[in-house]
Amino acid sequence: MTSIFRAHMGSDFDRLHPQIQRRFSVGLDSGEGCVGRGTMERIWHGGSFVKPFLRLGGMRNILVPREGRDVPFVIENLPYLDSYGRETVTFVRTFHLAGGPHRFDATMVHSPERDCVLDYLGTHQHLASDLHMSAEADGSLLIRSGEHRFREGPVDVRVPELVGGEAEVRESFDDATGRFRIRVRVVNRRFGPLFGYEGSFTAQYVDVRTHGVRGDLRPVREEARA
């Protein structure tokens, strides 16, 4: 068994910076999880029309409904087997904003059928996004989203481009500072920039066999459909 990210990227994974490789090797095979701590220099929103959607998503820990600068940040990437026997990695981001902390939750699984990493968003995995990962020439990781789907009970529908957003994530490692840098940008093809953040963090690796995965990092509801 290999990490879900290496399984998706294949030989392209070896082109990543060694520190990025280690961070995205977290998994049941390596026995490691990663906890990053740092600061988001900026969390931004698009036009005012975006805010109601962000507030709605915030009720299920999807996106971040408030803006801020120099926001303390924690990201917890821990592997576990979900109730369907799939290796899953948490991407739980906590932003310590002035009015109180806010979480942006996701859990990821490898989907060979869709040739992507499937990103389940929020506490109930109602939204699923295809993620496509590639290595850049400088060893950074580029993640682009593909199709988005909404799932609830028997409902399984593609999110129209008119209301959906295309996400681009760039993660790199700065050898001079020993910090990871991340930049996230979500754009709607018609309405332009919707949401994003950028900043840096350091990483601590933990033994998942002894550290475990807290129950609150796992979603309330799990979605079987890949």
C-alpha atoms as a PDB file:
ATOM      1  CA  MET A   1       0.000   0.000   0.000  1.00  0.00           C
ATOM      2  CA  THR A   2       1.201   3.533  -0.763  1.00  0.00           C
ATOM      3  CA  SER A   3      -0.209   6.929   0.118  1.00  0.00           C
ATOM      4  CA  ILE A   4      -3.383   7.929  -1.696  1.00  0.00           C
ATOM      5  CA  PHE A   5      -1.527  10.889  -3.206  1.00  0.00           C
ATOM      6  CA  ARG A   6       1.376   8.859  -4.597  1.00  0.00           C
ATOM      7  CA  ALA A   7      -1.130   6.306  -5.900  1.00  0.00           C
ATOM      8  CA  HIS A   8      -2.857   9.089  -7.845  1.00  0.00           C
ATOM      9  CA  MET A   9       0.262  10.916  -9.080  1.00  0.00           C
ATOM     10  CA  GLY A  10       2.431   7.911  -9.949  1.00  0.00           C
ATOM     11  CA  SER A  11       5.997   8.765 -11.012  1.00  0.00           C
ATOM     12  CA  ASP A  12       5.140  12.496 -11.005  1.00  0.00           C
ATOM     13  CA  PHE A  13       5.145  12.283  -7.203  1.00  0.00           C
ATOM     14  CA  ASP A  14       8.945  11.813  -7.289  1.00  0.00           C
ATOM     15  CA  ARG A  15       9.341  15.272  -8.873  1.00  0.00           C
ATOM     16  CA  LEU A  16       7.990  16.981  -5.757  1.00  0.00           C
ATOM     17  CA  HIS A  17      10.315  18.645  -3.238  1.00  0.00           C
ATOM     18  CA  PRO A  18      11.404  16.022  -0.662  1.00  0.00           C
ATOM     19  CA  GLN A  19       9.540  17.821   2.136  1.00  0.00           C
ATOM     20  CA  ILE A  20       6.360  17.952   0.037  1.00  0.00           C
ATOM     21  CA  GLN A  21       6.822  14.245  -0.702  1.00  0.00           C
ATOM     22  CA  ARG A  22       7.016  13.450   2.995  1.00  0.00           C
ATOM     23  CA  ARG A  23       3.969  15.570   3.822  1.00  0.00           C
ATOM     24  CA  PHE A  24       1.891  13.862   1.166  1.00  0.00           C
ATOM     25  CA  SER A  25       3.178  10.404   2.098  1.00  0.00           C
ATOM     26  CA  VAL A  26       1.008  10.461   5.225  1.00  0.00           C
ATOM     27  CA  GLY A  27      -1.007   7.285   5.290  1.00  0.00           C
ATOM     28  CA  LEU A  28      -1.597   3.933   6.877  1.00  0.00           C
ATOM     29  CA  ASP A  29       1.441   2.467   5.112  1.00  0.00           C
ATOM     30  CA  SER A  30       3.866   5.095   6.415  1.00  0.00           C
ATOM     31  CA  GLY A  31       2.126   5.157   9.806  1.00  0.00           C
ATOM     32  CA  GLU A  32       2.520   8.931   9.871  1.00  0.00           C
ATOM     33  CA  GLY A  33       0.141  11.816  10.157  1.00  0.00           C
ATOM     34  CA  CYS A  34       1.013  15.500   9.822  1.00  0.00           C
ATOM     35  CA  VAL A  35      -0.057  18.477  11.922  1.00  0.00           C
ATOM     36  CA  GLY A  36       0.825  21.871  10.489  1.00  0.00           C
ATOM     37  CA  ARG A  37       0.806  25.109  12.474  1.00  0.00           C
ATOM     38  CA  GLY A  38       1.336  28.577  11.110  1.00  0.00           C
ATOM     39  CA  THR A  39      -0.295  31.790   9.973  1.00  0.00           C
ATOM     40  CA  MET A  40      -2.528  32.685   7.084  1.00  0.00           C
ATOM     41  CA  GLU A  41      -1.356  36.109   6.020  1.00  0.00           C
ATOM     42  CA  ARG A  42      -4.648  36.768   4.301  1.00  0.00           C
ATOM     43  CA  ILE A  43      -8.107  35.177   4.033  1.00  0.00           C
ATOM     44  CA  TRP A  44     -10.141  36.969   1.383  1.00  0.00           C
ATOM     45  CA  HIS A  45     -13.608  36.888  -0.191  1.00  0.00           C
ATOM     46  CA  GLY A  46     -14.921  38.007  -3.570  1.00  0.00           C
ATOM     47  CA  GLY A  47     -17.911  40.308  -4.071  1.00  0.00           C
ATOM     48  CA  SER A  48     -20.654  40.792  -1.509  1.00  0.00           C
ATOM     49  CA  PHE A  49     -22.873  38.280  -3.321  1.00  0.00           C
ATOM     50  CA  VAL A  50     -20.490  35.525  -2.152  1.00  0.00           C
ATOM     51  CA  LYS A  51     -20.978  36.121   1.557  1.00  0.00           C
ATOM     52  CA  PRO A  52     -24.411  34.439   1.986  1.00  0.00           C
ATOM     53  CA  PHE A  53     -23.085  31.288   0.308  1.00  0.00           C
ATOM     54  CA  LEU A  54     -19.993  31.289   2.519  1.00  0.00           C
ATOM     55  CA  ARG A  55     -22.140  31.702   5.638  1.00  0.00           C
ATOM     56  CA  LEU A  56     -24.315  28.803   4.500  1.00  0.00           C
ATOM     57  CA  GLY A  57     -21.290  26.631   3.827  1.00  0.00           C
ATOM     58  CA  GLY A  58     -19.809  27.624   7.172  1.00  0.00           C
ATOM     59  CA  MET A  59     -22.673  25.848   8.932  1.00  0.00           C
ATOM     60  CA  ARG A  60     -21.181  22.544   7.682  1.00  0.00           C
ATOM     61  CA  ASN A  61     -17.501  23.569   7.913  1.00  0.00           C
ATOM     62  CA  ILE A  62     -17.177  24.281   4.195  1.00  0.00           C
ATOM     63  CA  LEU A  63     -14.973  27.255   3.255  1.00  0.00           C
ATOM     64  CA  VAL A  64     -14.474  30.142   5.704  1.00  0.00           C
ATOM     65  CA  PRO A  65     -17.254  32.739   6.145  1.00  0.00           C
ATOM     66  CA  ARG A  66     -15.037  35.542   7.502  1.00  0.00           C
ATOM     67  CA  GLU A  67     -12.025  37.433   6.186  1.00  0.00           C
ATOM     68  CA  GLY A  68      -8.863  38.159   8.140  1.00  0.00           C
ATOM     69  CA  ARG A  69      -5.151  38.883   8.174  1.00  0.00           C
ATOM     70  CA  ASP A  70      -2.350  37.178  10.102  1.00  0.00           C
ATOM     71  CA  VAL A  71      -4.728  34.449  11.238  1.00  0.00           C
ATOM     72  CA  PRO A  72      -3.271  31.565  13.307  1.00  0.00           C
ATOM     73  CA  PHE A  73      -3.885  28.320  11.478  1.00  0.00           C
ATOM     74  CA  VAL A  74      -3.733  24.562  12.115  1.00  0.00           C
ATOM     75  CA  ILE A  75      -4.105  21.795   9.525  1.00  0.00           C
ATOM     76  CA  GLU A  76      -4.506  18.150  10.602  1.00  0.00           C
ATOM     77  CA  ASN A  77      -3.772  15.443   8.019  1.00  0.00           C
ATOM     78  CA  LEU A  78      -4.372  12.051   9.614  1.00  0.00           C
ATOM     79  CA  PRO A  79      -5.094   8.724   7.878  1.00  0.00           C
ATOM     80  CA  TYR A  80      -7.729   6.160   8.855  1.00  0.00           C
ATOM     81  CA  LEU A  81     -10.000   3.532   7.332  1.00  0.00           C
ATOM     82  CA  ASP A  82     -13.527   4.809   6.830  1.00  0.00           C
ATOM     83  CA  SER A  83     -16.629   2.691   7.375  1.00  0.00           C
ATOM     84  CA  TYR A  84     -16.412   1.476   3.743  1.00  0.00           C
ATOM     85  CA  GLY A  85     -12.838   0.220   4.170  1.00  0.00           C
ATOM     86  CA  ARG A  86     -11.247   3.051   2.172  1.00  0.00           C
ATOM     87  CA  GLU A  87      -8.024   4.671   3.277  1.00  0.00           C
ATOM     88  CA  THR A  88      -8.968   8.259   4.056  1.00  0.00           C
ATOM     89  CA  VAL A  89      -6.885  11.303   5.001  1.00  0.00           C
ATOM     90  CA  THR A  90      -8.326  14.207   6.957  1.00  0.00           C
ATOM     91  CA  PHE A  91      -7.740  17.771   5.778  1.00  0.00           C
ATOM     92  CA  VAL A  92      -9.176  19.661   8.733  1.00  0.00           C
ATOM     93  CA  ARG A  93      -8.139  23.316   8.742  1.00  0.00           C
ATOM     94  CA  THR A  94      -8.834  25.496  11.784  1.00  0.00           C
ATOM     95  CA  PHE A  95      -8.576  29.265  11.393  1.00  0.00           C
ATOM     96  CA  HIS A  96      -8.380  31.151  14.695  1.00  0.00           C
ATOM     97  CA  LEU A  97     -10.181  34.305  13.609  1.00  0.00           C
ATOM     98  CA  ALA A  98     -10.829  37.325  15.823  1.00  0.00           C
ATOM     99  CA  GLY A  99     -14.463  36.323  16.461  1.00  0.00           C
ATOM    100  CA  GLY A 100     -13.589  32.720  17.272  1.00  0.00           C
ATOM    101  CA  PRO A 101     -12.226  29.661  15.478  1.00  0.00           C
ATOM    102  CA  HIS A 102     -13.703  28.350  12.266  1.00  0.00           C
ATOM    103  CA  ARG A 103     -13.053  24.989  10.625  1.00  0.00           C
ATOM    104  CA  PHE A 104     -12.864  24.026   6.985  1.00  0.00           C
ATOM    105  CA  ASP A 105     -13.209  20.221   6.906  1.00  0.00           C
ATOM    106  CA  ALA A 106     -12.411  17.775   4.144  1.00  0.00           C
ATOM    107  CA  THR A 107     -11.618  14.081   3.868  1.00  0.00           C
ATOM    108  CA  MET A 108      -9.841  12.588   0.866  1.00  0.00           C
ATOM    109  CA  VAL A 109      -9.786   9.149  -0.752  1.00  0.00           C
ATOM    110  CA  HIS A 110      -8.129   7.854  -3.909  1.00  0.00           C
ATOM    111  CA  SER A 111     -10.570   7.093  -6.728  1.00  0.00           C
ATOM    112  CA  PRO A 112      -8.930   4.959  -9.433  1.00  0.00           C
ATOM    113  CA  GLU A 113     -12.276   4.878 -11.259  1.00  0.00           C
ATOM    114  CA  ARG A 114     -12.323   8.670 -11.612  1.00  0.00           C
ATOM    115  CA  ASP A 115      -8.512   8.973 -11.882  1.00  0.00           C
ATOM    116  CA  CYS A 116      -8.388  11.541  -9.114  1.00  0.00           C
ATOM    117  CA  VAL A 117      -8.273  12.134  -5.401  1.00  0.00           C
ATOM    118  CA  LEU A 118     -11.863  12.551  -4.284  1.00  0.00           C
ATOM    119  CA  ASP A 119     -12.296  15.415  -1.834  1.00  0.00           C
ATOM    120  CA  TYR A 120     -15.380  15.142   0.389  1.00  0.00           C
ATOM    121  CA  LEU A 121     -16.150  18.568   1.838  1.00  0.00           C
ATOM    122  CA  GLY A 122     -17.758  19.437   5.146  1.00  0.00           C
ATOM    123  CA  THR A 123     -19.041  17.584   8.166  1.00  0.00           C
ATOM    124  CA  HIS A 124     -21.520  15.462   6.196  1.00  0.00           C
ATOM    125  CA  GLN A 125     -19.652  14.871   2.911  1.00  0.00           C
ATOM    126  CA  HIS A 126     -22.514  16.439   0.957  1.00  0.00           C
ATOM    127  CA  LEU A 127     -20.114  17.920  -1.594  1.00  0.00           C
ATOM    128  CA  ALA A 128     -17.522  15.869  -3.477  1.00  0.00           C
ATOM    129  CA  SER A 129     -14.867  17.351  -5.748  1.00  0.00           C
ATOM    130  CA  ASP A 130     -12.441  15.644  -8.108  1.00  0.00           C
ATOM    131  CA  LEU A 131      -8.877  16.790  -7.416  1.00  0.00           C
ATOM    132  CA  HIS A 132      -6.075  16.446  -9.956  1.00  0.00           C
ATOM    133  CA  MET A 133      -2.518  16.793  -8.638  1.00  0.00           C
ATOM    134  CA  SER A 134       0.722  17.485 -10.465  1.00  0.00           C
ATOM    135  CA  ALA A 135       4.325  18.465  -9.710  1.00  0.00           C
ATOM    136  CA  GLU A 136       5.598  21.841 -10.871  1.00  0.00           C
ATOM    137  CA  ALA A 137       9.121  22.456 -12.182  1.00  0.00           C
ATOM    138  CA  ASP A 138      10.216  23.940  -8.826  1.00  0.00           C
ATOM    139  CA  GLY A 139       9.021  20.877  -6.874  1.00  0.00           C
ATOM    140  CA  SER A 140       5.813  22.485  -5.638  1.00  0.00           C
ATOM    141  CA  LEU A 141       2.466  20.705  -5.722  1.00  0.00           C
ATOM    142  CA  LEU A 142      -0.348  22.025  -7.889  1.00  0.00           C
ATOM    143  CA  ILE A 143      -3.897  20.841  -7.159  1.00  0.00           C
ATOM    144  CA  ARG A 144      -6.793  21.713  -9.462  1.00  0.00           C
ATOM    145  CA  SER A 145     -10.413  20.790  -8.883  1.00  0.00           C
ATOM    146  CA  GLY A 146     -12.562  19.140 -11.519  1.00  0.00           C
ATOM    147  CA  GLU A 147     -16.185  18.082 -11.331  1.00  0.00           C
ATOM    148  CA  HIS A 148     -18.204  18.898  -8.194  1.00  0.00           C
ATOM    149  CA  ARG A 149     -21.175  16.807  -7.070  1.00  0.00           C
ATOM    150  CA  PHE A 150     -23.869  17.289  -4.426  1.00  0.00           C
ATOM    151  CA  ARG A 151     -25.070  14.131  -2.679  1.00  0.00           C
ATOM    152  CA  GLU A 152     -27.875  13.703  -0.172  1.00  0.00           C
ATOM    153  CA  GLY A 153     -29.913  10.506   0.121  1.00  0.00           C
ATOM    154  CA  PRO A 154     -30.893   9.416  -3.417  1.00  0.00           C
ATOM    155  CA  VAL A 155     -29.828  12.800  -4.851  1.00  0.00           C
ATOM    156  CA  ASP A 156     -26.547  12.774  -6.802  1.00  0.00           C
ATOM    157  CA  VAL A 157     -26.223  15.764  -9.107  1.00  0.00           C
ATOM    158  CA  ARG A 158     -23.403  17.645 -10.728  1.00  0.00           C
ATOM    159  CA  VAL A 159     -23.000  21.205  -9.441  1.00  0.00           C
ATOM    160  CA  PRO A 160     -23.524  23.572 -12.415  1.00  0.00           C
ATOM    161  CA  GLU A 161     -20.559  25.742 -13.403  1.00  0.00           C
ATOM    162  CA  LEU A 162     -22.757  28.810 -12.947  1.00  0.00           C
ATOM    163  CA  VAL A 163     -22.822  28.317  -9.155  1.00  0.00           C
ATOM    164  CA  GLY A 164     -19.702  26.203  -8.677  1.00  0.00           C
ATOM    165  CA  GLY A 165     -16.106  27.242  -8.206  1.00  0.00           C
ATOM    166  CA  GLU A 166     -12.810  26.042  -9.619  1.00  0.00           C
ATOM    167  CA  ALA A 167     -10.186  25.637  -6.920  1.00  0.00           C
ATOM    168  CA  GLU A 168      -6.443  25.930  -7.409  1.00  0.00           C
ATOM    169  CA  VAL A 169      -4.063  25.070  -4.574  1.00  0.00           C
ATOM    170  CA  ARG A 170      -0.300  25.535  -4.678  1.00  0.00           C
ATOM    171  CA  GLU A 171       1.842  24.140  -1.887  1.00  0.00           C
ATOM    172  CA  SER A 172       5.615  24.563  -1.795  1.00  0.00           C
ATOM    173  CA  PHE A 173       8.497  24.314   0.658  1.00  0.00           C
ATOM    174  CA  ASP A 174      10.799  27.245   1.417  1.00  0.00           C
ATOM    175  CA  ASP A 175      14.261  25.876   2.217  1.00  0.00           C
ATOM    176  CA  ALA A 176      15.417  29.242   3.571  1.00  0.00           C
ATOM    177  CA  THR A 177      12.734  29.414   6.272  1.00  0.00           C
ATOM    178  CA  GLY A 178      11.964  25.711   6.704  1.00  0.00           C
ATOM    179  CA  ARG A 179       8.273  26.436   6.183  1.00  0.00           C
ATOM    180  CA  PHE A 180       5.590  25.189   3.851  1.00  0.00           C
ATOM    181  CA  ARG A 181       3.809  27.852   1.838  1.00  0.00           C
ATOM    182  CA  ILE A 182       0.244  27.472   0.633  1.00  0.00           C
ATOM    183  CA  ARG A 183      -1.987  29.522  -1.624  1.00  0.00           C
ATOM    184  CA  VAL A 184      -5.639  28.659  -2.265  1.00  0.00           C
ATOM    185  CA  ARG A 185      -7.834  30.412  -4.813  1.00  0.00           C
ATOM    186  CA  VAL A 186     -11.439  29.569  -5.776  1.00  0.00           C
ATOM    187  CA  VAL A 187     -12.861  31.211  -8.902  1.00  0.00           C
ATOM    188  CA  ASN A 188     -16.229  31.078 -10.661  1.00  0.00           C
ATOM    189  CA  ARG A 189     -15.958  31.204 -14.453  1.00  0.00           C
ATOM    190  CA  ARG A 190     -18.679  33.838 -14.721  1.00  0.00           C
ATOM    191  CA  PHE A 191     -18.413  35.848 -11.504  1.00  0.00           C
ATOM    192  CA  GLY A 192     -14.655  35.752 -10.932  1.00  0.00           C
ATOM    193  CA  PRO A 193     -12.748  35.246  -7.633  1.00  0.00           C
ATOM    194  CA  LEU A 194     -14.850  33.843  -4.787  1.00  0.00           C
ATOM    195  CA  PHE A 195     -12.579  32.911  -1.902  1.00  0.00           C
ATOM    196  CA  GLY A 196      -8.983  32.189  -0.987  1.00  0.00           C
ATOM    197  CA  TYR A 197      -6.177  32.290   1.522  1.00  0.00           C
ATOM    198  CA  GLU A 198      -2.394  32.224   1.618  1.00  0.00           C
ATOM    199  CA  GLY A 199       0.247  31.791   4.272  1.00  0.00           C
ATOM    200  CA  SER A 200       2.866  29.454   5.698  1.00  0.00           C
ATOM    201  CA  PHE A 201       3.270  26.783   8.354  1.00  0.00           C
ATOM    202  CA  THR A 202       5.655  24.272   9.891  1.00  0.00           C
ATOM    203  CA  ALA A 203       4.889  20.570  10.102  1.00  0.00           C
ATOM    204  CA  GLN A 204       5.095  18.031  12.899  1.00  0.00           C
ATOM    205  CA  TYR A 205       4.801  14.332  12.068  1.00  0.00           C
ATOM    206  CA  VAL A 206       2.992  12.003  14.442  1.00  0.00           C
ATOM    207  CA  ASP A 207       2.745   8.228  14.751  1.00  0.00           C
ATOM    208  CA  VAL A 208      -0.882   7.528  13.923  1.00  0.00           C
ATOM    209  CA  ARG A 209      -0.754   4.179  15.709  1.00  0.00           C
ATOM    210  CA  THR A 210      -0.204   5.944  19.029  1.00  0.00           C
ATOM    211  CA  HIS A 211      -1.600   9.391  18.193  1.00  0.00           C
ATOM    212  CA  GLY A 212      -4.831   8.073  16.683  1.00  0.00           C
ATOM    213  CA  VAL A 213      -7.526  10.139  14.994  1.00  0.00           C
ATOM    214  CA  ARG A 214      -9.846  12.180  17.191  1.00  0.00           C
ATOM    215  CA  GLY A 215     -13.507  11.474  16.610  1.00  0.00           C
ATOM    216  CA  ASP A 216     -14.257  15.133  15.850  1.00  0.00           C
ATOM    217  CA  LEU A 217     -11.889  15.045  12.857  1.00  0.00           C
ATOM    218  CA  ARG A 218     -14.034  12.427  11.132  1.00  0.00           C
ATOM    219  CA  PRO A 219     -17.241  13.431   9.313  1.00  0.00           C
ATOM    220  CA  VAL A 220     -20.631  12.967  10.942  1.00  0.00           C
ATOM    221  CA  ARG A 221     -21.859  11.177   7.823  1.00  0.00           C
ATOM    222  CA  GLU A 222     -19.831   9.197   5.270  1.00  0.00           C
ATOM    223  CA  GLU A 223     -20.664   9.022   1.565  1.00  0.00           C
ATOM    224  CA  ALA A 224     -20.174   5.669  -0.202  1.00  0.00           C
ATOM    225  CA  ARG A 225     -20.428   7.029  -3.756  1.00  0.00           C
ATOM    226  CA  ALA A 226     -17.049   7.708  -5.353  1.00  0.00           C
END
